[in-house]
Protein backbone atom coordinates (compact mmCIF):
# COMPACT_ATOMS: atom_id res chain seq x y z
CA MET A 1 15.28 133.12 108.35
CA ASN A 2 11.76 131.78 107.88
CA GLU A 3 10.18 132.84 111.18
CA VAL A 4 7.26 130.41 110.91
CA ALA A 5 9.58 127.47 110.28
CA PHE A 6 11.89 128.62 113.08
CA LEU A 7 9.03 128.83 115.60
CA SER A 8 7.82 125.45 114.43
CA SER A 9 11.24 123.97 115.19
CA LEU A 10 11.06 125.45 118.69
CA ARG A 11 7.59 123.99 119.29
CA LYS A 12 8.89 120.55 118.40
CA ASN A 13 11.13 120.80 121.46
CA TYR A 14 8.51 122.32 123.75
CA TRP A 15 9.01 119.72 126.49
CA PHE A 16 12.69 120.59 126.76
CA LEU A 17 12.69 124.33 126.11
CA LEU A 18 9.70 125.40 128.21
CA PRO A 19 10.92 123.77 131.45
CA TYR A 20 14.36 125.20 130.70
CA LEU A 21 12.97 128.72 130.25
CA LEU A 22 11.02 128.48 133.50
CA MET A 23 14.12 127.23 135.31
CA ILE A 24 16.27 130.08 134.00
CA ILE A 25 13.66 132.67 135.03
CA ILE A 26 13.37 131.23 138.55
CA LEU A 27 17.13 130.95 139.02
CA GLY A 28 17.58 134.45 137.63
CA LEU A 29 15.20 135.78 140.28
CA VAL A 30 17.10 133.87 142.95
CA HIS A 31 20.30 135.60 141.84
CA LEU A 32 18.60 138.99 142.15
CA ILE A 33 17.92 138.24 145.82
CA TYR A 34 21.03 136.33 146.91
CA THR A 35 24.72 136.59 146.03
CA LYS A 36 26.45 133.82 144.13
CA SER A 37 28.51 133.00 147.22
CA ALA A 38 25.42 132.68 149.45
CA ILE A 39 23.77 130.42 146.88
CA HIS A 40 26.85 128.25 146.62
CA LEU A 41 27.21 127.86 150.37
CA ALA A 42 23.55 126.86 150.67
CA ILE A 43 23.99 124.20 147.99
CA ASN A 44 27.32 123.06 149.42
CA ASN A 45 25.80 122.51 152.86
CA PHE A 46 23.26 120.13 151.34
CA ASN A 47 25.39 117.02 150.90
CA SER A 48 25.55 113.33 151.70
CA PRO A 49 27.72 110.33 150.74
CA PHE A 50 25.01 109.19 148.29
CA LEU A 51 24.81 112.59 146.61
CA ASP A 52 28.61 112.78 146.46
CA LEU A 53 28.71 109.50 144.55
CA PHE A 54 25.73 110.39 142.36
CA PHE A 55 26.92 113.81 141.22
CA ARG A 56 30.58 112.76 140.90
CA ASN A 57 29.44 110.25 138.28
CA ILE A 58 26.66 112.16 136.54
CA THR A 59 29.03 115.07 135.91
CA LEU A 60 30.76 112.78 133.39
CA LEU A 61 27.75 113.24 131.08
CA GLY A 62 29.04 116.76 130.41
CA HIS A 63 32.52 115.56 129.50
CA GLY A 64 33.56 115.87 125.86
CA PHE A 65 34.55 112.19 125.80
CA PHE A 66 30.95 111.14 126.52
CA THR A 67 29.64 113.43 123.78
CA MET A 68 32.12 111.99 121.29
CA ILE A 69 30.92 108.46 122.11
CA ILE A 70 27.34 109.52 121.31
CA ILE A 71 28.50 111.19 118.08
CA CYS A 72 30.29 108.02 116.99
CA LEU A 73 27.28 105.84 117.81
CA PHE A 74 24.99 108.00 115.69
CA LEU A 75 27.29 107.54 112.69
CA PHE A 76 25.94 103.99 112.46
CA PHE A 77 22.33 105.18 112.26
CA HIS A 78 22.18 108.73 110.87
CA PHE A 79 25.05 110.94 109.71
CA ARG A 80 23.00 114.14 109.99
CA LYS A 81 22.22 113.59 113.66
CA SER A 82 25.84 112.79 114.38
CA VAL A 83 27.07 115.94 112.63
CA ALA A 84 24.37 118.07 114.30
CA ILE A 85 25.60 117.01 117.75
CA LEU A 86 29.20 117.63 116.68
CA LEU A 87 28.42 121.16 115.43
CA ALA A 88 26.46 122.03 118.58
CA PHE A 89 29.28 120.65 120.75
CA ILE A 90 32.04 122.48 118.88
CA GLY A 91 30.09 125.74 118.57
CA SER A 92 29.14 125.96 122.24
CA GLY A 93 32.59 124.78 123.31
CA LEU A 94 34.36 127.46 121.29
CA ILE A 95 32.23 130.24 122.78
CA VAL A 96 32.83 128.93 126.30
CA GLN A 97 36.60 128.69 125.80
CA ILE A 98 36.82 132.16 124.27
CA LEU A 99 34.98 133.64 127.24
CA LYS A 100 37.02 131.61 129.75
CA THR A 101 40.38 132.60 128.30
CA THR A 102 39.68 136.27 127.53
CA ILE A 103 37.02 138.22 129.40
CA PHE A 104 36.69 135.88 132.40
CA SER A 105 40.18 134.38 132.52
CA ASP A 106 40.73 135.49 136.13
CA SER A 107 37.34 134.40 137.49
CA LEU A 108 37.88 132.30 140.61
CA ARG A 109 36.35 128.89 141.15
CA PRO A 110 34.70 128.14 144.51
CA MET A 111 37.75 126.52 146.12
CA GLU A 112 39.89 129.60 145.49
CA PHE A 113 37.04 132.08 146.00
CA PHE A 114 36.30 130.79 149.51
CA ALA A 115 39.92 130.05 150.49
CA GLY A 116 40.48 131.29 154.03
CA LYS A 117 36.86 132.43 154.34
CA GLU A 118 34.63 129.35 154.44
CA VAL A 119 35.13 125.61 154.84
CA LEU A 120 33.55 123.89 151.85
CA HIS A 121 32.52 120.28 151.48
CA PHE A 122 34.53 118.74 148.65
CA VAL A 123 33.74 115.46 146.94
CA ASP A 124 36.48 112.83 147.14
CA GLY A 125 38.11 112.03 143.81
CA VAL A 126 37.37 115.40 142.22
CA ASN A 127 40.38 117.43 141.14
CA GLN A 128 39.49 120.97 142.19
CA LEU A 129 40.41 123.75 139.77
CA VAL A 130 41.00 127.35 140.82
CA ILE A 131 40.35 129.76 137.93
CA GLN A 132 38.31 130.24 134.74
CA THR A 133 35.04 129.34 136.40
CA PHE A 134 32.75 131.32 134.08
CA PRO A 135 31.01 129.92 132.11
CA SER A 136 30.74 126.17 132.74
CA GLY A 137 31.92 124.11 129.78
CA HIS A 138 30.38 120.88 131.07
CA SER A 139 27.00 122.60 131.35
CA ALA A 140 27.25 123.91 127.80
CA SER A 141 28.20 120.47 126.47
CA ALA A 142 25.43 118.71 128.41
CA PHE A 143 22.70 121.05 127.22
CA ALA A 144 23.98 120.96 123.65
CA LEU A 145 24.00 117.16 123.64
CA PHE A 146 20.69 116.55 125.40
CA LEU A 147 18.82 119.23 123.44
CA CYS A 148 19.97 117.50 120.25
CA LEU A 149 18.79 114.15 121.62
CA ALA A 150 15.47 115.74 122.60
CA ALA A 151 15.08 117.06 119.04
CA PHE A 152 15.67 113.58 117.65
CA ALA A 153 13.18 111.98 120.06
CA LYS A 154 9.49 111.68 119.14
CA ASN A 155 8.17 111.05 122.65
CA SER A 156 7.42 114.13 124.80
CA LEU A 157 8.29 112.32 128.00
CA LEU A 158 11.67 111.38 126.56
CA LYS A 159 12.29 115.03 125.62
CA PHE A 160 11.56 116.03 129.22
CA LEU A 161 13.83 113.26 130.51
CA PHE A 162 16.69 114.67 128.42
CA PHE A 163 16.03 118.08 130.02
CA ILE A 164 16.30 116.50 133.47
CA LEU A 165 19.59 114.79 132.56
CA ALA A 166 21.03 118.05 131.20
CA THR A 167 19.95 119.91 134.35
CA LEU A 168 21.39 117.29 136.69
CA THR A 169 24.68 117.35 134.80
CA ALA A 170 24.89 121.15 135.03
CA PHE A 171 23.92 121.12 138.72
CA SER A 172 26.58 118.49 139.40
CA ARG A 173 29.21 121.09 138.54
CA VAL A 174 27.91 123.24 141.39
CA TYR A 175 27.49 120.35 143.81
CA ILE A 176 31.10 119.22 143.38
CA SER A 177 32.23 122.87 143.72
CA GLN A 178 33.82 123.19 140.31
CA HIS A 179 31.49 126.09 139.49
CA PHE A 180 29.04 128.57 140.92
CA LEU A 181 25.38 128.25 139.93
CA ILE A 182 25.62 131.34 137.69
CA ASP A 183 28.47 129.62 135.79
CA ALA A 184 26.30 126.59 135.11
CA MET A 185 23.37 128.79 134.05
CA ALA A 186 25.55 130.72 131.60
CA GLY A 187 27.03 127.53 130.19
CA SER A 188 23.60 125.99 129.73
CA LEU A 189 22.34 129.12 127.97
CA ILE A 190 25.26 129.03 125.53
CA GLY A 191 24.64 125.34 124.86
CA VAL A 192 20.91 125.87 124.28
CA LEU A 193 21.22 128.94 122.01
CA VAL A 194 23.95 127.44 119.84
CA THR A 195 22.06 124.17 119.54
CA ILE A 196 18.78 125.86 118.59
CA PHE A 197 20.45 127.47 115.58
CA VAL A 198 22.38 124.32 114.65
CA LEU A 199 19.18 122.27 114.74
CA TYR A 200 17.22 124.79 112.70
CA TYR A 201 19.77 125.39 109.95
CA PHE A 202 21.30 121.94 109.81
CA TYR A 203 18.76 119.41 111.07
CA TYR A 204 15.27 120.77 110.31
CA ARG A 205 16.12 122.47 107.00
CA ARG A 206 18.09 119.35 106.01
CA PRO A 207 20.81 120.66 103.65
CA PHE A 208 23.29 118.21 102.09
CA SER A 209 21.01 115.27 101.41
CA PHE A 210 23.90 112.75 101.49
CA LEU A 211 23.99 113.21 105.26
CA ASP A 212 20.68 111.36 105.55
CA ASN A 213 22.67 108.13 105.06
CA SER A 214 24.41 106.05 107.73
CA ILE A 215 27.04 103.34 108.15
CA ILE A 216 24.25 100.81 108.64
CA PRO A 217 21.87 101.13 105.64
CA ASN A 218 18.35 102.23 106.62
């Protein structure tokens, strides 16, 4: 790997990656002080009808169906960007599913974890799952997608906006009690790391020149 070129590719996404790094450090320190259950209860107690509606809908941005819509749209404008999102989505998704179904297959989701211990606030219309909480697949998908979009964007403010959208999507998984915060953090980290390497090897180095075409001629 050309280290100079790799660092250059990271700097191009400074307004996404730096806030993300700071967030991970801060949340990591929080987890050193408080347990995952204490953190979840604190978040769960902070709710309102507006937030229920907001996070129930924004969590859809981490759904694979939404990512596939974006991938299909990019086919009309730039094959390479479309394939980059697809590779980041598949790569991060595979890692998440392997971890969920092997090492962490018995990890309990909040509803089951707190059953008989605490009364949680649940959002209406959300089908609560009980196991395979770690890591969060929606968080991985959201960070993979929005980091790709940040890489494609030229405007720094837009890059930061994509970071905010990825973060809100990941946090929504905690708010609606499908995951603990540590699950969302782990999922986001998988999404970011996989996407960094996909972007460097596939998007910035630009192999396979025919992928610079699109359905709609440039």
